[in-house]
């Protein structure tokens, strides 16, 4: 990976892709005042450098009968956070899982169909021998993604 500075054009490209990852390089080029080839080259460079890890779509789970987005905070008996993390990653419905620093040793985000499934997931995690406690928070509103709030500088 290089130590190349991300410049204004890179930031414009990144911001447009954050809002719509399917936006064409041609559209981005015209809005940035550069050529399509420049956008493609910069995209490829940022991907190679690890600045861009991929492109994705945002799915509305509620339209697919998954009504609840859940944040799960897990306290582990030290030094078992890696073991717990690896077990949590295998649970159906877990979309994001990571070790954390702070109140919890592991945090996860799950998409769940109903309250019973949320309870089952919490119970499954709580049954792991290396887990001290499990806290579950449920999003009550549709989550608002704010890619424009990401600070590049």
N, C-alpha and C. Protein backbone atom coordinates (compact mmCIF):
# COMPACT_ATOMS: atom_id res chain seq x y z
N UNK A 1 0.84 -1.18 0.00
CA UNK A 1 0.00 0.00 0.00
C UNK A 1 0.89 1.24 0.00
N UNK A 2 0.51 2.24 -0.79
CA UNK A 2 1.31 3.45 -0.88
C UNK A 2 0.85 4.46 0.16
N UNK A 3 1.64 5.52 0.31
CA UNK A 3 1.29 6.59 1.22
C UNK A 3 0.72 7.78 0.45
N UNK A 4 0.16 7.51 -0.72
CA UNK A 4 -0.41 8.56 -1.56
C UNK A 4 -1.53 9.27 -0.80
N UNK A 5 -1.57 10.58 -0.93
CA UNK A 5 -2.63 11.36 -0.30
C UNK A 5 -3.92 11.22 -1.10
N UNK A 6 -5.02 11.09 -0.41
CA UNK A 6 -6.33 11.10 -1.06
C UNK A 6 -6.66 12.57 -1.31
N UNK A 7 -6.89 12.93 -2.58
CA UNK A 7 -7.13 14.33 -2.91
C UNK A 7 -8.62 14.60 -3.11
N UNK A 8 -8.93 15.85 -3.48
CA UNK A 8 -10.32 16.28 -3.65
C UNK A 8 -11.08 15.42 -4.66
N UNK A 9 -10.42 15.08 -5.76
CA UNK A 9 -11.08 14.26 -6.79
C UNK A 9 -11.39 12.87 -6.24
N UNK A 10 -10.44 12.28 -5.52
CA UNK A 10 -10.69 10.97 -4.91
C UNK A 10 -11.90 11.05 -3.96
N UNK A 11 -11.93 12.10 -3.16
CA UNK A 11 -13.03 12.26 -2.20
C UNK A 11 -14.36 12.41 -2.92
N UNK A 12 -14.40 13.18 -4.01
CA UNK A 12 -15.64 13.32 -4.78
C UNK A 12 -16.09 11.96 -5.31
N UNK A 13 -15.15 11.20 -5.83
CA UNK A 13 -15.47 9.86 -6.36
C UNK A 13 -16.02 8.98 -5.24
N UNK A 14 -15.34 8.98 -4.10
CA UNK A 14 -15.78 8.16 -2.97
C UNK A 14 -17.17 8.56 -2.49
N UNK A 15 -17.42 9.86 -2.38
CA UNK A 15 -18.73 10.33 -1.91
C UNK A 15 -19.85 9.89 -2.86
N UNK A 16 -19.61 10.00 -4.15
CA UNK A 16 -20.64 9.60 -5.11
C UNK A 16 -20.90 8.10 -5.03
N UNK A 17 -19.85 7.32 -4.87
CA UNK A 17 -20.02 5.87 -4.77
C UNK A 17 -20.67 5.46 -3.45
N UNK A 18 -20.46 6.25 -2.39
CA UNK A 18 -21.13 5.96 -1.12
C UNK A 18 -22.64 6.08 -1.26
N UNK A 19 -23.07 7.06 -2.02
CA UNK A 19 -24.50 7.29 -2.21
C UNK A 19 -25.09 6.27 -3.18
N UNK A 20 -24.35 5.97 -4.26
CA UNK A 20 -24.83 5.01 -5.27
C UNK A 20 -23.64 4.26 -5.84
N UNK A 21 -23.40 3.06 -5.32
CA UNK A 21 -22.25 2.27 -5.74
C UNK A 21 -22.35 1.81 -7.19
N UNK A 22 -23.53 1.95 -7.79
CA UNK A 22 -23.71 1.54 -9.19
C UNK A 22 -23.59 2.70 -10.17
N UNK A 23 -23.31 3.87 -9.66
CA UNK A 23 -23.16 5.04 -10.54
C UNK A 23 -22.02 4.77 -11.52
N UNK A 24 -22.24 5.08 -12.78
CA UNK A 24 -21.22 4.79 -13.80
C UNK A 24 -20.03 5.74 -13.68
N UNK A 25 -18.89 5.24 -14.12
CA UNK A 25 -17.69 6.07 -14.12
C UNK A 25 -17.90 7.30 -14.99
N UNK A 26 -18.68 7.16 -16.07
CA UNK A 26 -18.97 8.29 -16.94
C UNK A 26 -19.73 9.39 -16.22
N UNK A 27 -20.77 9.00 -15.44
CA UNK A 27 -21.53 9.98 -14.66
C UNK A 27 -20.65 10.67 -13.63
N UNK A 28 -19.85 9.87 -12.95
CA UNK A 28 -18.95 10.43 -11.93
C UNK A 28 -17.97 11.39 -12.58
N UNK A 29 -17.42 10.99 -13.73
CA UNK A 29 -16.45 11.83 -14.43
C UNK A 29 -17.04 13.18 -14.79
N UNK A 30 -18.27 13.18 -15.31
CA UNK A 30 -18.87 14.45 -15.71
C UNK A 30 -19.14 15.34 -14.50
N UNK A 31 -19.49 14.75 -13.37
CA UNK A 31 -19.74 15.55 -12.17
C UNK A 31 -18.44 16.03 -11.50
N UNK A 32 -17.34 15.32 -11.76
CA UNK A 32 -16.04 15.71 -11.18
C UNK A 32 -15.23 16.59 -12.13
N UNK A 33 -15.67 16.67 -13.39
CA UNK A 33 -14.92 17.46 -14.36
C UNK A 33 -13.63 16.81 -14.82
N UNK A 34 -13.63 15.46 -14.84
CA UNK A 34 -12.46 14.71 -15.31
C UNK A 34 -12.94 13.67 -16.32
N UNK A 35 -12.00 12.96 -16.92
CA UNK A 35 -12.39 11.94 -17.90
C UNK A 35 -12.84 10.65 -17.20
N UNK A 36 -13.58 9.83 -17.96
CA UNK A 36 -14.02 8.53 -17.46
C UNK A 36 -12.81 7.68 -17.10
N UNK A 37 -11.77 7.76 -17.95
CA UNK A 37 -10.54 6.99 -17.71
C UNK A 37 -9.87 7.40 -16.39
N UNK A 38 -9.90 8.69 -16.08
CA UNK A 38 -9.34 9.17 -14.81
C UNK A 38 -10.08 8.55 -13.63
N UNK A 39 -11.41 8.54 -13.71
CA UNK A 39 -12.21 7.95 -12.63
C UNK A 39 -11.90 6.47 -12.50
N UNK A 40 -11.85 5.76 -13.62
CA UNK A 40 -11.55 4.32 -13.58
C UNK A 40 -10.18 4.07 -12.97
N UNK A 41 -9.18 4.83 -13.41
CA UNK A 41 -7.82 4.65 -12.88
C UNK A 41 -7.76 4.93 -11.38
N UNK A 42 -8.42 5.99 -10.96
CA UNK A 42 -8.41 6.34 -9.54
C UNK A 42 -9.16 5.28 -8.72
N UNK A 43 -10.29 4.79 -9.24
CA UNK A 43 -11.04 3.73 -8.56
C UNK A 43 -10.15 2.50 -8.41
N UNK A 44 -9.51 2.09 -9.51
CA UNK A 44 -8.64 0.91 -9.47
C UNK A 44 -7.49 1.10 -8.48
N UNK A 45 -6.90 2.29 -8.47
CA UNK A 45 -5.80 2.58 -7.54
C UNK A 45 -6.28 2.51 -6.10
N UNK A 46 -7.43 3.13 -5.81
CA UNK A 46 -7.95 3.12 -4.44
C UNK A 46 -8.33 1.71 -4.01
N UNK A 47 -8.79 0.90 -4.95
CA UNK A 47 -9.10 -0.49 -4.64
C UNK A 47 -7.81 -1.26 -4.34
N UNK A 48 -6.81 -1.06 -5.17
CA UNK A 48 -5.53 -1.75 -4.98
C UNK A 48 -4.89 -1.36 -3.64
N UNK A 49 -5.04 -0.09 -3.26
CA UNK A 49 -4.45 0.40 -2.01
C UNK A 49 -5.28 0.03 -0.78
N UNK A 50 -6.47 -0.54 -0.99
CA UNK A 50 -7.31 -0.93 0.14
C UNK A 50 -8.22 0.17 0.66
N UNK A 51 -8.23 1.32 0.00
CA UNK A 51 -9.14 2.40 0.39
C UNK A 51 -10.57 1.97 0.08
N UNK A 52 -10.77 1.39 -1.09
CA UNK A 52 -12.06 0.80 -1.47
C UNK A 52 -11.90 -0.71 -1.36
N UNK A 53 -12.76 -1.33 -0.53
CA UNK A 53 -12.68 -2.78 -0.36
C UNK A 53 -13.67 -3.51 -1.25
N UNK A 54 -14.60 -2.80 -1.81
CA UNK A 54 -15.60 -3.40 -2.67
C UNK A 54 -16.76 -2.44 -2.82
N UNK A 55 -17.77 -2.85 -3.54
CA UNK A 55 -18.99 -2.06 -3.66
C UNK A 55 -20.14 -2.95 -3.26
N UNK A 56 -21.20 -2.36 -2.76
CA UNK A 56 -22.32 -3.18 -2.30
C UNK A 56 -23.63 -2.43 -2.43
N UNK A 57 -24.69 -3.16 -2.19
CA UNK A 57 -26.02 -2.57 -2.16
C UNK A 57 -26.49 -2.57 -0.71
N UNK A 58 -27.48 -1.75 -0.41
CA UNK A 58 -28.07 -1.72 0.91
C UNK A 58 -29.44 -2.36 0.81
N UNK A 59 -29.64 -3.42 1.55
CA UNK A 59 -30.90 -4.16 1.52
C UNK A 59 -31.78 -3.67 2.66
N UNK A 60 -33.06 -3.50 2.38
CA UNK A 60 -34.03 -3.17 3.43
C UNK A 60 -34.57 -4.48 3.98
N UNK A 61 -34.06 -4.95 5.14
CA UNK A 61 -34.48 -6.25 5.66
C UNK A 61 -35.96 -6.33 5.98
N UNK A 62 -36.58 -5.20 6.30
CA UNK A 62 -38.00 -5.22 6.65
C UNK A 62 -38.88 -5.57 5.45
N UNK A 63 -38.39 -5.31 4.26
CA UNK A 63 -39.14 -5.69 3.05
C UNK A 63 -38.99 -7.18 2.76
N UNK A 64 -38.11 -7.84 3.50
CA UNK A 64 -37.86 -9.27 3.30
C UNK A 64 -38.27 -10.07 4.54
N UNK A 65 -39.24 -9.54 5.28
CA UNK A 65 -39.80 -10.21 6.45
C UNK A 65 -38.79 -10.36 7.59
N UNK A 66 -37.78 -9.53 7.61
CA UNK A 66 -36.85 -9.48 8.75
C UNK A 66 -37.13 -8.15 9.43
N UNK A 67 -37.92 -8.18 10.47
CA UNK A 67 -38.48 -6.96 11.04
C UNK A 67 -37.57 -6.22 12.02
N UNK A 68 -36.55 -6.89 12.55
CA UNK A 68 -35.78 -6.29 13.63
C UNK A 68 -34.28 -6.26 13.33
N UNK A 69 -33.72 -5.09 13.52
CA UNK A 69 -32.27 -4.93 13.46
C UNK A 69 -31.82 -4.81 14.91
N UNK A 70 -30.87 -5.65 15.29
CA UNK A 70 -30.50 -5.82 16.69
C UNK A 70 -29.00 -5.59 16.87
N UNK A 71 -28.66 -4.85 17.91
CA UNK A 71 -27.26 -4.72 18.30
C UNK A 71 -27.07 -5.59 19.54
N UNK A 72 -26.04 -6.43 19.51
CA UNK A 72 -25.78 -7.35 20.61
C UNK A 72 -24.42 -7.02 21.20
N UNK A 73 -24.41 -6.70 22.50
CA UNK A 73 -23.16 -6.44 23.22
C UNK A 73 -22.84 -7.63 24.10
N UNK A 74 -21.61 -8.10 24.01
CA UNK A 74 -21.23 -9.33 24.71
C UNK A 74 -19.99 -9.08 25.56
N UNK A 75 -20.09 -9.40 26.85
CA UNK A 75 -18.92 -9.39 27.73
C UNK A 75 -18.44 -10.82 27.86
N UNK A 76 -17.14 -11.00 27.68
CA UNK A 76 -16.56 -12.35 27.73
C UNK A 76 -15.67 -12.50 28.96
N UNK A 77 -15.42 -13.75 29.31
CA UNK A 77 -14.39 -14.01 30.31
C UNK A 77 -13.06 -13.94 29.58
N UNK A 78 -12.18 -13.08 30.04
CA UNK A 78 -10.91 -12.88 29.34
C UNK A 78 -10.08 -14.14 29.42
N UNK A 79 -9.30 -14.49 28.49
CA UNK A 79 -8.99 -13.83 27.22
C UNK A 79 -9.72 -14.49 26.06
N UNK A 80 -11.02 -14.68 26.15
CA UNK A 80 -11.75 -15.51 25.19
C UNK A 80 -12.53 -14.73 24.13
N UNK A 81 -12.28 -13.44 23.97
CA UNK A 81 -13.08 -12.67 23.02
C UNK A 81 -12.94 -13.19 21.58
N UNK A 82 -11.76 -13.64 21.18
CA UNK A 82 -11.60 -14.17 19.82
C UNK A 82 -12.42 -15.44 19.62
N UNK A 83 -12.42 -16.32 20.62
CA UNK A 83 -13.21 -17.55 20.53
C UNK A 83 -14.70 -17.23 20.41
N UNK A 84 -15.16 -16.31 21.26
CA UNK A 84 -16.58 -15.93 21.23
C UNK A 84 -16.91 -15.29 19.88
N UNK A 85 -16.05 -14.41 19.40
CA UNK A 85 -16.27 -13.77 18.11
C UNK A 85 -16.43 -14.83 17.02
N UNK A 86 -15.56 -15.80 16.99
CA UNK A 86 -15.64 -16.85 15.97
C UNK A 86 -16.93 -17.66 16.07
N UNK A 87 -17.43 -17.87 17.28
CA UNK A 87 -18.70 -18.60 17.44
C UNK A 87 -19.88 -17.73 17.01
N UNK A 88 -19.84 -16.44 17.38
CA UNK A 88 -20.93 -15.53 17.05
C UNK A 88 -21.06 -15.39 15.53
N UNK A 89 -19.95 -15.34 14.81
CA UNK A 89 -19.98 -15.19 13.35
C UNK A 89 -20.75 -16.32 12.66
N UNK A 90 -20.86 -17.46 13.31
CA UNK A 90 -21.52 -18.62 12.71
C UNK A 90 -23.02 -18.66 12.97
N UNK A 91 -23.54 -17.75 13.77
CA UNK A 91 -24.96 -17.76 14.12
C UNK A 91 -25.77 -17.15 12.98
N UNK A 92 -26.82 -17.84 12.52
CA UNK A 92 -27.66 -17.29 11.45
C UNK A 92 -28.23 -15.92 11.85
N UNK A 93 -28.21 -15.01 10.90
CA UNK A 93 -28.75 -13.68 11.13
C UNK A 93 -27.73 -12.65 11.57
N UNK A 94 -26.55 -13.10 12.02
CA UNK A 94 -25.50 -12.16 12.41
C UNK A 94 -24.87 -11.61 11.12
N UNK A 95 -24.95 -10.29 10.94
CA UNK A 95 -24.42 -9.66 9.72
C UNK A 95 -23.06 -9.01 9.95
N UNK A 96 -22.83 -8.54 11.16
CA UNK A 96 -21.58 -7.88 11.51
C UNK A 96 -21.18 -8.39 12.89
N UNK A 97 -19.92 -8.71 13.07
CA UNK A 97 -19.41 -9.09 14.38
C UNK A 97 -17.96 -8.65 14.47
N UNK A 98 -17.59 -8.09 15.62
CA UNK A 98 -16.23 -7.59 15.79
C UNK A 98 -15.85 -7.56 17.26
N UNK A 99 -14.57 -7.67 17.52
CA UNK A 99 -14.08 -7.43 18.88
C UNK A 99 -14.21 -5.94 19.14
N UNK A 100 -14.38 -5.58 20.40
CA UNK A 100 -14.60 -4.18 20.74
C UNK A 100 -13.79 -3.82 21.99
N UNK A 101 -13.62 -2.53 22.19
CA UNK A 101 -13.00 -2.00 23.40
C UNK A 101 -14.03 -1.10 24.04
N UNK A 102 -14.25 -1.28 25.32
CA UNK A 102 -15.24 -0.48 26.03
C UNK A 102 -16.10 -1.37 26.89
N UNK A 103 -17.38 -1.10 26.90
CA UNK A 103 -18.32 -1.85 27.74
C UNK A 103 -18.37 -3.32 27.36
N UNK A 104 -18.22 -3.60 26.06
CA UNK A 104 -18.32 -4.98 25.57
C UNK A 104 -17.01 -5.43 24.94
N UNK A 105 -16.80 -6.73 24.98
CA UNK A 105 -15.61 -7.32 24.35
C UNK A 105 -15.88 -7.71 22.90
N UNK A 106 -17.14 -8.02 22.62
CA UNK A 106 -17.58 -8.38 21.26
C UNK A 106 -18.91 -7.67 21.02
N UNK A 107 -19.08 -7.12 19.83
CA UNK A 107 -20.37 -6.54 19.44
C UNK A 107 -20.78 -7.12 18.11
N UNK A 108 -22.08 -7.23 17.94
CA UNK A 108 -22.61 -7.81 16.70
C UNK A 108 -23.88 -7.07 16.30
N UNK A 109 -24.17 -7.12 15.02
CA UNK A 109 -25.45 -6.64 14.50
C UNK A 109 -26.12 -7.83 13.83
N UNK A 110 -27.38 -8.01 14.17
CA UNK A 110 -28.15 -9.13 13.60
C UNK A 110 -29.43 -8.61 12.98
N UNK A 111 -29.90 -9.31 11.98
CA UNK A 111 -31.19 -9.04 11.36
C UNK A 111 -32.08 -10.23 11.74
N UNK A 112 -33.19 -9.96 12.42
CA UNK A 112 -34.01 -11.03 12.97
C UNK A 112 -35.47 -10.87 12.54
N UNK A 113 -36.14 -11.99 12.39
CA UNK A 113 -37.53 -12.01 11.92
C UNK A 113 -38.51 -11.55 12.99
N UNK A 114 -38.31 -12.01 14.22
CA UNK A 114 -39.27 -11.71 15.28
C UNK A 114 -38.59 -11.74 16.64
N UNK A 115 -39.37 -11.40 17.67
CA UNK A 115 -38.84 -11.34 19.03
C UNK A 115 -38.34 -12.71 19.48
N UNK A 116 -39.02 -13.77 19.09
CA UNK A 116 -38.59 -15.11 19.46
C UNK A 116 -37.19 -15.40 18.91
N UNK A 117 -36.96 -15.04 17.66
CA UNK A 117 -35.64 -15.27 17.06
C UNK A 117 -34.57 -14.44 17.78
N UNK A 118 -34.92 -13.22 18.16
CA UNK A 118 -33.99 -12.38 18.92
C UNK A 118 -33.63 -13.08 20.24
N UNK A 119 -34.65 -13.57 20.94
CA UNK A 119 -34.42 -14.28 22.19
C UNK A 119 -33.56 -15.51 22.01
N UNK A 120 -33.84 -16.27 20.95
CA UNK A 120 -33.05 -17.48 20.68
C UNK A 120 -31.58 -17.14 20.41
N UNK A 121 -31.36 -16.07 19.65
CA UNK A 121 -29.98 -15.66 19.36
C UNK A 121 -29.27 -15.24 20.64
N UNK A 122 -29.94 -14.44 21.47
CA UNK A 122 -29.36 -14.03 22.75
C UNK A 122 -29.06 -15.23 23.64
N UNK A 123 -29.99 -16.18 23.68
CA UNK A 123 -29.79 -17.39 24.50
C UNK A 123 -28.62 -18.22 23.98
N UNK A 124 -28.53 -18.35 22.66
CA UNK A 124 -27.43 -19.11 22.05
C UNK A 124 -26.09 -18.51 22.46
N UNK A 125 -25.98 -17.19 22.37
CA UNK A 125 -24.73 -16.53 22.74
C UNK A 125 -24.48 -16.67 24.24
N UNK A 126 -25.52 -16.48 25.03
CA UNK A 126 -25.38 -16.59 26.49
C UNK A 126 -24.98 -17.98 26.95
N UNK A 127 -25.27 -18.99 26.15
CA UNK A 127 -24.91 -20.37 26.50
C UNK A 127 -23.43 -20.68 26.28
N UNK A 128 -22.72 -19.81 25.55
CA UNK A 128 -21.29 -20.04 25.36
C UNK A 128 -20.60 -19.91 26.73
N UNK A 129 -19.78 -20.86 27.07
CA UNK A 129 -19.13 -20.91 28.37
C UNK A 129 -18.29 -19.66 28.65
N UNK A 130 -17.73 -19.06 27.61
CA UNK A 130 -16.82 -17.93 27.77
C UNK A 130 -17.55 -16.58 27.84
N UNK A 131 -18.89 -16.59 27.87
CA UNK A 131 -19.67 -15.35 27.88
C UNK A 131 -20.15 -15.04 29.30
N UNK A 132 -19.87 -13.80 29.75
CA UNK A 132 -20.34 -13.35 31.07
C UNK A 132 -21.73 -12.75 30.98
N UNK A 133 -21.96 -11.93 29.93
CA UNK A 133 -23.27 -11.29 29.79
C UNK A 133 -23.55 -10.94 28.34
N UNK A 134 -24.84 -10.84 28.03
CA UNK A 134 -25.30 -10.48 26.69
C UNK A 134 -26.36 -9.40 26.84
N UNK A 135 -26.19 -8.28 26.16
CA UNK A 135 -27.20 -7.22 26.12
C UNK A 135 -27.67 -7.07 24.68
N UNK A 136 -28.98 -6.93 24.53
CA UNK A 136 -29.57 -6.82 23.20
C UNK A 136 -30.35 -5.51 23.11
N UNK A 137 -30.06 -4.72 22.09
CA UNK A 137 -30.80 -3.49 21.81
C UNK A 137 -31.44 -3.64 20.44
N UNK A 138 -32.70 -3.21 20.33
CA UNK A 138 -33.45 -3.34 19.08
C UNK A 138 -33.67 -1.96 18.48
N UNK A 139 -33.34 -1.79 17.20
CA UNK A 139 -33.66 -0.55 16.50
C UNK A 139 -35.18 -0.45 16.42
N UNK A 140 -35.73 0.70 16.77
CA UNK A 140 -37.18 0.86 16.67
C UNK A 140 -37.60 1.57 15.39
N UNK A 141 -36.70 2.29 14.78
CA UNK A 141 -36.98 2.97 13.52
C UNK A 141 -36.09 2.39 12.43
N UNK A 142 -36.42 2.75 11.21
CA UNK A 142 -35.57 2.36 10.08
C UNK A 142 -34.21 3.04 10.27
N UNK A 143 -33.12 2.27 10.20
CA UNK A 143 -31.81 2.90 10.36
C UNK A 143 -31.54 3.87 9.22
N UNK A 144 -30.95 4.97 9.56
CA UNK A 144 -30.61 5.98 8.57
C UNK A 144 -29.11 5.93 8.33
N UNK A 145 -28.73 5.53 7.14
CA UNK A 145 -27.32 5.51 6.79
C UNK A 145 -26.93 6.91 6.32
N UNK A 146 -25.84 7.42 6.85
CA UNK A 146 -25.41 8.77 6.54
C UNK A 146 -24.00 8.77 5.96
N UNK A 147 -23.84 8.24 4.73
CA UNK A 147 -22.49 8.18 4.17
C UNK A 147 -21.85 9.55 4.00
N UNK A 148 -22.65 10.58 3.86
CA UNK A 148 -22.07 11.92 3.69
C UNK A 148 -21.40 12.42 4.96
N UNK A 149 -21.70 11.79 6.09
CA UNK A 149 -21.10 12.20 7.36
C UNK A 149 -19.72 11.61 7.59
N UNK A 150 -19.29 10.70 6.71
CA UNK A 150 -17.96 10.12 6.86
C UNK A 150 -16.93 11.20 6.58
N UNK A 151 -16.01 11.39 7.51
CA UNK A 151 -14.99 12.42 7.36
C UNK A 151 -13.74 11.83 6.72
N UNK A 152 -13.34 12.38 5.60
CA UNK A 152 -12.16 11.92 4.89
C UNK A 152 -10.89 12.60 5.38
N UNK A 153 -11.03 13.70 6.06
CA UNK A 153 -9.84 14.45 6.50
C UNK A 153 -9.77 14.50 8.00
